[in-house]
Amino acid sequence: MDSIWFYPLAIFVVLLVGIAKGGFAGGVGSLSVPLLALIIDPRIAAAIMLPIICVMDLFAVHTYRGEYDRANLKTLIPSGLLGVFLGAITFQFMNVAMIKLIIGVIAVYFVINYCYGLSRKTTHINKPGNPYYGSFWGTIGGFTSCIAHAGGPPLSVYLLPQRLDKRIFAGTMVIFFIVINYSKLVPYYWLGLLQFPQLKISLLLLPLAPVGVWMGSWLTSRVNQAVFYRLSYIFLLLAGIKLIYDAGTSLL
């Protein structure tokens, strides 16, 4: 955090996550920890972002209040909480290199999955939610959210084929993550991550939270989302490759 690049990068990341919470290019929220992990310990990066994300969730819930799919949430929330539990008990046994490797692999996988979907160029027929798949992806979403605040893409893999109304889709994501993110406060505190130095930085960056959410809402109605989404995945791929490289050099 002594790097001259930390605060410019942190400001960019907070605004980016806020834009995602505001409904624009939701997958870019997964960039937060991978980008900050290029400069600082990914555990510290996750701890700094959690209080900010929790505040953003309150704004997002207000935006999409009453617009969600109850049946999906009945499956996703319990499995997501299980994923948070698994992430919490695993987190303490990992060193920095292992966490960077996991986050890097997750980032690259999400990009490959996205590119594969583009290459198929198929229009999915509405598919009802399968509770078995929902439990699996909910658990993965909770786990990756606990480790790197990267639960959005796994949840999207499950929800997108259902072709929900876009506001119902966004609202379902919002309700899932406000439960998951607030539940993460307990293991983060238990793991000793919510210390004063991290919370001080979170507090300094917190005023950007509503700004980012407002920007996301504004961009949703005015900018070509596909272009921004693809650029975000390019950045995610580059960050993932860099994290895998750093982890590899540390572990070898």
C-alpha atoms as a PDB file:
ATOM      1  CA  MET A   1       0.000   0.000   0.000  1.00  0.00           C
ATOM      2  CA  ASP A   2       3.067   2.253   0.033  1.00  0.00           C
ATOM      3  CA  SER A   3       3.207   2.135  -3.765  1.00  0.00           C
ATOM      4  CA  ILE A   4       2.397   5.407  -5.508  1.00  0.00           C
ATOM      5  CA  TRP A   5       0.069   3.382  -7.742  1.00  0.00           C
ATOM      6  CA  PHE A   6      -2.056   1.997  -4.912  1.00  0.00           C
ATOM      7  CA  TYR A   7      -4.590   4.806  -4.474  1.00  0.00           C
ATOM      8  CA  PRO A   8      -5.062   5.542  -8.203  1.00  0.00           C
ATOM      9  CA  LEU A   9      -5.622   1.823  -8.781  1.00  0.00           C
ATOM     10  CA  ALA A  10      -7.872   1.511  -5.700  1.00  0.00           C
ATOM     11  CA  ILE A  11     -10.027   4.449  -6.828  1.00  0.00           C
ATOM     12  CA  PHE A  12     -10.363   2.907 -10.284  1.00  0.00           C
ATOM     13  CA  VAL A  13     -11.278  -0.489  -8.788  1.00  0.00           C
ATOM     14  CA  VAL A  14     -13.918   0.921  -6.419  1.00  0.00           C
ATOM     15  CA  LEU A  15     -15.581   2.846  -9.250  1.00  0.00           C
ATOM     16  CA  LEU A  16     -15.433  -0.249 -11.444  1.00  0.00           C
ATOM     17  CA  VAL A  17     -17.132  -2.400  -8.808  1.00  0.00           C
ATOM     18  CA  GLY A  18     -19.731   0.314  -8.247  1.00  0.00           C
ATOM     19  CA  ILE A  19     -20.454   0.401 -11.974  1.00  0.00           C
ATOM     20  CA  ALA A  20     -21.014  -3.367 -11.872  1.00  0.00           C
ATOM     21  CA  LYS A  21     -23.303  -3.036  -8.838  1.00  0.00           C
ATOM     22  CA  GLY A  22     -25.247  -0.384 -10.738  1.00  0.00           C
ATOM     23  CA  GLY A  23     -26.152  -2.989 -13.346  1.00  0.00           C
ATOM     24  CA  PHE A  24     -23.586  -2.240 -16.051  1.00  0.00           C
ATOM     25  CA  ALA A  25     -21.303  -5.118 -17.161  1.00  0.00           C
ATOM     26  CA  GLY A  26     -21.729  -7.031 -13.921  1.00  0.00           C
ATOM     27  CA  GLY A  27     -18.755  -9.310 -14.573  1.00  0.00           C
ATOM     28  CA  VAL A  28     -16.274  -6.466 -14.143  1.00  0.00           C
ATOM     29  CA  GLY A  29     -16.794  -6.632 -10.378  1.00  0.00           C
ATOM     30  CA  SER A  30     -14.547  -9.705 -10.463  1.00  0.00           C
ATOM     31  CA  LEU A  31     -11.650  -7.442 -11.391  1.00  0.00           C
ATOM     32  CA  SER A  32     -11.387  -5.860  -7.945  1.00  0.00           C
ATOM     33  CA  VAL A  33      -9.156  -8.316  -6.080  1.00  0.00           C
ATOM     34  CA  PRO A  34      -7.107  -9.483  -9.114  1.00  0.00           C
ATOM     35  CA  LEU A  35      -6.209  -5.872  -9.940  1.00  0.00           C
ATOM     36  CA  LEU A  36      -5.365  -4.863  -6.365  1.00  0.00           C
ATOM     37  CA  ALA A  37      -3.472  -8.133  -5.907  1.00  0.00           C
ATOM     38  CA  LEU A  38      -1.011  -6.912  -8.524  1.00  0.00           C
ATOM     39  CA  ILE A  39       0.254  -4.482  -5.874  1.00  0.00           C
ATOM     40  CA  ILE A  40      -0.779  -5.822  -2.444  1.00  0.00           C
ATOM     41  CA  ASP A  41      -1.515  -9.107  -0.668  1.00  0.00           C
ATOM     42  CA  PRO A  42      -4.812 -10.425  -2.126  1.00  0.00           C
ATOM     43  CA  ARG A  43      -6.115 -11.083   1.395  1.00  0.00           C
ATOM     44  CA  ILE A  44      -5.642  -7.410   2.268  1.00  0.00           C
ATOM     45  CA  ALA A  45      -7.232  -6.429  -1.045  1.00  0.00           C
ATOM     46  CA  ALA A  46     -10.311  -8.551  -0.262  1.00  0.00           C
ATOM     47  CA  ALA A  47     -10.534  -7.093   3.262  1.00  0.00           C
ATOM     48  CA  ILE A  48     -10.376  -3.499   2.001  1.00  0.00           C
ATOM     49  CA  MET A  49     -13.081  -4.095  -0.578  1.00  0.00           C
ATOM     50  CA  LEU A  50     -15.598  -5.974   1.608  1.00  0.00           C
ATOM     51  CA  PRO A  51     -16.994  -3.022   3.651  1.00  0.00           C
ATOM     52  CA  ILE A  52     -17.200  -0.933   0.470  1.00  0.00           C
ATOM     53  CA  ILE A  53     -19.045  -3.693  -1.382  1.00  0.00           C
ATOM     54  CA  CYS A  54     -21.473  -4.097   1.523  1.00  0.00           C
ATOM     55  CA  VAL A  55     -22.388  -0.399   1.308  1.00  0.00           C
ATOM     56  CA  MET A  56     -22.779  -0.656  -2.466  1.00  0.00           C
ATOM     57  CA  ASP A  57     -25.165  -3.572  -1.977  1.00  0.00           C
ATOM     58  CA  LEU A  58     -27.514  -1.330   0.010  1.00  0.00           C
ATOM     59  CA  PHE A  59     -27.754   1.109  -2.905  1.00  0.00           C
ATOM     60  CA  ALA A  60     -28.223  -1.762  -5.355  1.00  0.00           C
ATOM     61  CA  VAL A  61     -31.016  -3.348  -3.288  1.00  0.00           C
ATOM     62  CA  HIS A  62     -32.831  -0.028  -3.258  1.00  0.00           C
ATOM     63  CA  THR A  63     -32.515   0.205  -7.044  1.00  0.00           C
ATOM     64  CA  TYR A  64     -33.897  -3.304  -7.678  1.00  0.00           C
ATOM     65  CA  ARG A  65     -36.235  -3.651  -4.694  1.00  0.00           C
ATOM     66  CA  GLY A  66     -38.957  -6.245  -5.260  1.00  0.00           C
ATOM     67  CA  GLU A  67     -37.465  -7.415  -8.575  1.00  0.00           C
ATOM     68  CA  TYR A  68     -35.981 -10.893  -8.143  1.00  0.00           C
ATOM     69  CA  ASP A  69     -36.660 -14.573  -8.764  1.00  0.00           C
ATOM     70  CA  ARG A  70     -37.717 -16.160  -5.484  1.00  0.00           C
ATOM     71  CA  ALA A  71     -37.415 -19.777  -6.698  1.00  0.00           C
ATOM     72  CA  ASN A  72     -33.792 -19.310  -7.760  1.00  0.00           C
ATOM     73  CA  LEU A  73     -32.875 -17.594  -4.515  1.00  0.00           C
ATOM     74  CA  LYS A  74     -34.270 -20.505  -2.465  1.00  0.00           C
ATOM     75  CA  THR A  75     -31.641 -22.689  -4.120  1.00  0.00           C
ATOM     76  CA  LEU A  76     -28.791 -20.235  -4.489  1.00  0.00           C
ATOM     77  CA  ILE A  77     -28.637 -18.582  -1.072  1.00  0.00           C
ATOM     78  CA  PRO A  78     -28.219 -21.739   1.097  1.00  0.00           C
ATOM     79  CA  SER A  79     -25.613 -23.162  -1.287  1.00  0.00           C
ATOM     80  CA  GLY A  80     -23.888 -19.782  -1.487  1.00  0.00           C
ATOM     81  CA  LEU A  81     -23.597 -19.670   2.317  1.00  0.00           C
ATOM     82  CA  LEU A  82     -22.067 -23.158   2.184  1.00  0.00           C
ATOM     83  CA  GLY A  83     -19.550 -21.821  -0.343  1.00  0.00           C
ATOM     84  CA  VAL A  84     -18.653 -18.944   1.997  1.00  0.00           C
ATOM     85  CA  PHE A  85     -18.082 -21.451   4.809  1.00  0.00           C
ATOM     86  CA  LEU A  86     -15.828 -23.577   2.593  1.00  0.00           C
ATOM     87  CA  GLY A  87     -13.944 -20.479   1.484  1.00  0.00           C
ATOM     88  CA  ALA A  88     -13.458 -19.342   5.081  1.00  0.00           C
ATOM     89  CA  ILE A  89     -12.030 -22.638   6.351  1.00  0.00           C
ATOM     90  CA  THR A  90      -9.779 -22.917   3.279  1.00  0.00           C
ATOM     91  CA  PHE A  91      -8.605 -19.303   3.313  1.00  0.00           C
ATOM     92  CA  GLN A  92      -6.540 -19.624   6.494  1.00  0.00           C
ATOM     93  CA  PHE A  93      -4.479 -22.518   5.120  1.00  0.00           C
ATOM     94  CA  MET A  94      -3.410 -20.673   1.968  1.00  0.00           C
ATOM     95  CA  ASN A  95      -0.323 -18.544   1.505  1.00  0.00           C
ATOM     96  CA  VAL A  96      -0.206 -15.491  -0.737  1.00  0.00           C
ATOM     97  CA  ALA A  97       1.116 -17.451  -3.739  1.00  0.00           C
ATOM     98  CA  MET A  98      -1.678 -20.036  -3.509  1.00  0.00           C
ATOM     99  CA  ILE A  99      -4.359 -17.362  -3.311  1.00  0.00           C
ATOM    100  CA  LYS A 100      -2.856 -15.521  -6.285  1.00  0.00           C
ATOM    101  CA  LEU A 101      -2.785 -18.777  -8.237  1.00  0.00           C
ATOM    102  CA  ILE A 102      -6.436 -19.571  -7.453  1.00  0.00           C
ATOM    103  CA  ILE A 103      -7.591 -16.043  -8.283  1.00  0.00           C
ATOM    104  CA  GLY A 104      -5.530 -16.048 -11.474  1.00  0.00           C
ATOM    105  CA  VAL A 105      -6.924 -19.399 -12.627  1.00  0.00           C
ATOM    106  CA  ILE A 106     -10.477 -18.264 -11.821  1.00  0.00           C
ATOM    107  CA  ALA A 107      -9.946 -15.048 -13.794  1.00  0.00           C
ATOM    108  CA  VAL A 108      -8.555 -16.853 -16.855  1.00  0.00           C
ATOM    109  CA  TYR A 109     -11.316 -19.492 -16.699  1.00  0.00           C
ATOM    110  CA  PHE A 110     -14.020 -16.828 -16.693  1.00  0.00           C
ATOM    111  CA  VAL A 111     -12.470 -15.209 -19.772  1.00  0.00           C
ATOM    112  CA  ILE A 112     -12.206 -18.545 -21.608  1.00  0.00           C
ATOM    113  CA  ASN A 113     -15.816 -19.359 -20.720  1.00  0.00           C
ATOM    114  CA  TYR A 114     -16.910 -15.956 -22.011  1.00  0.00           C
ATOM    115  CA  CYS A 115     -14.982 -16.360 -25.284  1.00  0.00           C
ATOM    116  CA  TYR A 116     -16.398 -19.859 -25.737  1.00  0.00           C
ATOM    117  CA  GLY A 117     -19.900 -18.447 -25.446  1.00  0.00           C
ATOM    118  CA  LEU A 118     -19.094 -15.823 -28.086  1.00  0.00           C
ATOM    119  CA  SER A 119     -17.662 -18.420 -30.459  1.00  0.00           C
ATOM    120  CA  ARG A 120     -20.833 -20.525 -30.292  1.00  0.00           C
ATOM    121  CA  LYS A 121     -23.039 -17.547 -31.206  1.00  0.00           C
ATOM    122  CA  THR A 122     -26.166 -19.383 -30.173  1.00  0.00           C
ATOM    123  CA  THR A 123     -29.314 -17.975 -28.683  1.00  0.00           C
ATOM    124  CA  HIS A 124     -30.299 -19.963 -25.637  1.00  0.00           C
ATOM    125  CA  ILE A 125     -33.884 -21.064 -25.270  1.00  0.00           C
ATOM    126  CA  ASN A 126     -35.382 -20.283 -21.897  1.00  0.00           C
ATOM    127  CA  LYS A 127     -34.296 -23.005 -19.474  1.00  0.00           C
ATOM    128  CA  PRO A 128     -35.937 -23.406 -16.073  1.00  0.00           C
ATOM    129  CA  GLY A 129     -33.595 -23.362 -13.107  1.00  0.00           C
ATOM    130  CA  ASN A 130     -32.291 -26.795 -12.142  1.00  0.00           C
ATOM    131  CA  PRO A 131     -31.864 -27.007  -8.338  1.00  0.00           C
ATOM    132  CA  TYR A 132     -28.882 -29.357  -8.653  1.00  0.00           C
ATOM    133  CA  TYR A 133     -27.025 -27.020 -10.999  1.00  0.00           C
ATOM    134  CA  GLY A 134     -28.172 -24.094  -8.895  1.00  0.00           C
ATOM    135  CA  SER A 135     -26.710 -25.645  -5.748  1.00  0.00           C
ATOM    136  CA  PHE A 136     -23.411 -26.328  -7.516  1.00  0.00           C
ATOM    137  CA  TRP A 137     -22.998 -22.864  -9.010  1.00  0.00           C
ATOM    138  CA  GLY A 138     -24.299 -21.211  -5.844  1.00  0.00           C
ATOM    139  CA  THR A 139     -21.603 -23.003  -3.835  1.00  0.00           C
ATOM    140  CA  ILE A 140     -18.922 -22.022  -6.351  1.00  0.00           C
ATOM    141  CA  GLY A 141     -20.215 -18.455  -6.303  1.00  0.00           C
ATOM    142  CA  GLY A 142     -20.086 -18.301  -2.504  1.00  0.00           C
ATOM    143  CA  PHE A 143     -16.590 -19.820  -2.448  1.00  0.00           C
ATOM    144  CA  THR A 144     -15.093 -17.493  -5.086  1.00  0.00           C
ATOM    145  CA  SER A 145     -16.891 -14.558  -3.515  1.00  0.00           C
ATOM    146  CA  CYS A 146     -15.346 -15.347  -0.136  1.00  0.00           C
ATOM    147  CA  ILE A 147     -11.830 -15.622  -1.546  1.00  0.00           C
ATOM    148  CA  ALA A 148     -11.835 -12.878  -4.157  1.00  0.00           C
ATOM    149  CA  HIS A 149     -15.277 -11.174  -4.342  1.00  0.00           C
ATOM    150  CA  ALA A 150     -15.585 -12.982  -7.685  1.00  0.00           C
ATOM    151  CA  GLY A 151     -18.931 -14.712  -7.311  1.00  0.00           C
ATOM    152  CA  GLY A 152     -20.684 -12.937 -10.178  1.00  0.00           C
ATOM    153  CA  PRO A 153     -19.472 -15.034 -13.135  1.00  0.00           C
ATOM    154  CA  PRO A 154     -20.338 -18.450 -11.577  1.00  0.00           C
ATOM    155  CA  LEU A 155     -23.814 -17.180 -10.771  1.00  0.00           C
ATOM    156  CA  SER A 156     -24.167 -15.807 -14.304  1.00  0.00           C
ATOM    157  CA  VAL A 157     -23.277 -19.217 -15.745  1.00  0.00           C
ATOM    158  CA  TYR A 158     -26.376 -20.594 -14.011  1.00  0.00           C
ATOM    159  CA  LEU A 159     -28.805 -17.687 -14.447  1.00  0.00           C
ATOM    160  CA  LEU A 160     -28.099 -16.465 -17.973  1.00  0.00           C
ATOM    161  CA  PRO A 161     -29.490 -19.562 -19.798  1.00  0.00           C
ATOM    162  CA  GLN A 162     -32.815 -18.995 -18.012  1.00  0.00           C
ATOM    163  CA  ARG A 163     -33.283 -15.800 -20.036  1.00  0.00           C
ATOM    164  CA  LEU A 164     -34.821 -13.930 -17.132  1.00  0.00           C
ATOM    165  CA  ASP A 165     -36.040 -10.383 -17.578  1.00  0.00           C
ATOM    166  CA  LYS A 166     -32.931  -8.218 -17.255  1.00  0.00           C
ATOM    167  CA  ARG A 167     -34.150  -6.439 -14.124  1.00  0.00           C
ATOM    168  CA  ILE A 168     -35.209  -9.737 -12.535  1.00  0.00           C
ATOM    169  CA  PHE A 169     -31.780 -11.136 -13.392  1.00  0.00           C
ATOM    170  CA  ALA A 170     -30.013  -8.119 -11.874  1.00  0.00           C
ATOM    171  CA  GLY A 171     -32.281  -8.105  -8.812  1.00  0.00           C
ATOM    172  CA  THR A 172     -31.698 -11.812  -8.185  1.00  0.00           C
ATOM    173  CA  MET A 173     -27.941 -11.216  -8.273  1.00  0.00           C
ATOM    174  CA  VAL A 174     -28.298  -8.244  -5.929  1.00  0.00           C
ATOM    175  CA  ILE A 175     -30.312 -10.155  -3.305  1.00  0.00           C
ATOM    176  CA  PHE A 176     -27.932 -13.130  -3.474  1.00  0.00           C
ATOM    177  CA  PHE A 177     -24.864 -10.967  -2.959  1.00  0.00           C
ATOM    178  CA  ILE A 178     -26.200  -8.766  -0.196  1.00  0.00           C
ATOM    179  CA  VAL A 179     -26.763 -11.960   1.822  1.00  0.00           C
ATOM    180  CA  ILE A 180     -23.409 -13.461   0.837  1.00  0.00           C
ATOM    181  CA  ASN A 181     -21.357 -10.303   1.321  1.00  0.00           C
ATOM    182  CA  TYR A 182     -22.769  -9.498   4.752  1.00  0.00           C
ATOM    183  CA  SER A 183     -22.272 -13.118   5.824  1.00  0.00           C
ATOM    184  CA  LYS A 184     -18.594 -12.762   4.847  1.00  0.00           C
ATOM    185  CA  LEU A 185     -18.086 -10.133   7.554  1.00  0.00           C
ATOM    186  CA  VAL A 186     -18.080 -12.916  10.179  1.00  0.00           C
ATOM    187  CA  PRO A 187     -15.289 -15.100   8.693  1.00  0.00           C
ATOM    188  CA  TYR A 188     -13.277 -12.026   7.641  1.00  0.00           C
ATOM    189  CA  TYR A 189     -13.372 -10.791  11.239  1.00  0.00           C
ATOM    190  CA  TRP A 190     -12.602 -14.288  12.529  1.00  0.00           C
ATOM    191  CA  LEU A 191      -9.614 -14.527  10.175  1.00  0.00           C
ATOM    192  CA  GLY A 192      -8.311 -11.195  11.454  1.00  0.00           C
ATOM    193  CA  LEU A 193      -8.654  -9.432   8.114  1.00  0.00           C
ATOM    194  CA  LEU A 194     -10.837  -6.535   9.266  1.00  0.00           C
ATOM    195  CA  GLN A 195      -8.087  -4.652  11.062  1.00  0.00           C
ATOM    196  CA  PHE A 196      -7.841  -0.886  11.532  1.00  0.00           C
ATOM    197  CA  PRO A 197      -5.338  -0.237   8.679  1.00  0.00           C
ATOM    198  CA  GLN A 198      -7.633  -1.967   6.175  1.00  0.00           C
ATOM    199  CA  LEU A 199     -10.780  -0.350   7.564  1.00  0.00           C
ATOM    200  CA  LYS A 200      -9.149   3.077   7.434  1.00  0.00           C
ATOM    201  CA  ILE A 201      -8.485   2.682   3.717  1.00  0.00           C
ATOM    202  CA  SER A 202     -12.023   1.345   3.208  1.00  0.00           C
ATOM    203  CA  LEU A 203     -13.383   4.448   4.934  1.00  0.00           C
ATOM    204  CA  LEU A 204     -11.286   6.740   2.738  1.00  0.00           C
ATOM    205  CA  LEU A 205     -12.583   5.049  -0.409  1.00  0.00           C
ATOM    206  CA  LEU A 206     -16.187   4.668   0.799  1.00  0.00           C
ATOM    207  CA  PRO A 207     -17.513   7.980  -0.632  1.00  0.00           C
ATOM    208  CA  LEU A 208     -16.836   6.554  -4.090  1.00  0.00           C
ATOM    209  CA  ALA A 209     -19.320   3.712  -3.505  1.00  0.00           C
ATOM    210  CA  PRO A 210     -22.548   5.608  -4.377  1.00  0.00           C
ATOM    211  CA  VAL A 211     -20.721   7.427  -7.181  1.00  0.00           C
ATOM    212  CA  GLY A 212     -19.775   4.108  -8.792  1.00  0.00           C
ATOM    213  CA  VAL A 213     -23.302   2.710  -8.456  1.00  0.00           C
ATOM    214  CA  TRP A 214     -24.759   5.880  -9.989  1.00  0.00           C
ATOM    215  CA  MET A 215     -22.238   5.663 -12.841  1.00  0.00           C
ATOM    216  CA  GLY A 216     -23.307   2.075 -13.492  1.00  0.00           C
ATOM    217  CA  SER A 217     -26.959   3.059 -13.640  1.00  0.00           C
ATOM    218  CA  TRP A 218     -26.148   5.990 -15.953  1.00  0.00           C
ATOM    219  CA  LEU A 219     -23.915   3.925 -18.261  1.00  0.00           C
ATOM    220  CA  THR A 220     -26.484   1.152 -18.549  1.00  0.00           C
ATOM    221  CA  SER A 221     -28.828   3.429 -20.464  1.00  0.00           C
ATOM    222  CA  ARG A 222     -26.231   5.312 -22.545  1.00  0.00           C
ATOM    223  CA  VAL A 223     -23.209   3.193 -23.500  1.00  0.00           C
ATOM    224  CA  ASN A 224     -22.778   0.078 -25.628  1.00  0.00           C
ATOM    225  CA  GLN A 225     -22.466  -2.497 -22.883  1.00  0.00           C
ATOM    226  CA  ALA A 226     -20.957  -5.177 -25.142  1.00  0.00           C
ATOM    227  CA  VAL A 227     -17.862  -3.070 -25.894  1.00  0.00           C
ATOM    228  CA  PHE A 228     -17.232  -2.237 -22.244  1.00  0.00           C
ATOM    229  CA  TYR A 229     -17.860  -5.848 -21.228  1.00  0.00           C
ATOM    230  CA  ARG A 230     -15.319  -7.192 -23.713  1.00  0.00           C
ATOM    231  CA  LEU A 231     -12.662  -4.666 -22.682  1.00  0.00           C
ATOM    232  CA  SER A 232     -13.232  -5.633 -19.063  1.00  0.00           C
ATOM    233  CA  TYR A 233     -12.608  -9.283 -19.884  1.00  0.00           C
ATOM    234  CA  ILE A 234      -9.357  -8.323 -21.621  1.00  0.00           C
ATOM    235  CA  PHE A 235      -8.210  -6.583 -18.440  1.00  0.00           C
ATOM    236  CA  LEU A 236      -9.346  -9.563 -16.385  1.00  0.00           C
ATOM    237  CA  LEU A 237      -7.347 -11.932 -18.619  1.00  0.00           C
ATOM    238  CA  LEU A 238      -4.196  -9.819 -18.319  1.00  0.00           C
ATOM    239  CA  ALA A 239      -4.558  -9.606 -14.538  1.00  0.00           C
ATOM    240  CA  GLY A 240      -5.154 -13.366 -14.312  1.00  0.00           C
ATOM    241  CA  ILE A 241      -2.072 -14.191 -16.388  1.00  0.00           C
ATOM    242  CA  LYS A 242       0.065 -11.833 -14.277  1.00  0.00           C
ATOM    243  CA  LEU A 243      -1.184 -13.409 -11.032  1.00  0.00           C
ATOM    244  CA  ILE A 244      -0.502 -16.940 -12.305  1.00  0.00           C
ATOM    245  CA  TYR A 245       3.007 -15.864 -13.339  1.00  0.00           C
ATOM    246  CA  ASP A 246       3.691 -14.274  -9.941  1.00  0.00           C
ATOM    247  CA  ALA A 247       2.366 -17.351  -8.127  1.00  0.00           C
ATOM    248  CA  GLY A 248       4.421 -19.677 -10.307  1.00  0.00           C
ATOM    249  CA  THR A 249       7.653 -17.799  -9.661  1.00  0.00           C
ATOM    250  CA  SER A 250       6.949 -17.859  -5.905  1.00  0.00           C
ATOM    251  CA  LEU A 251       6.049 -21.541  -5.707  1.00  0.00           C
ATOM    252  CA  LEU A 252       8.904 -22.842  -7.895  1.00  0.00           C
END
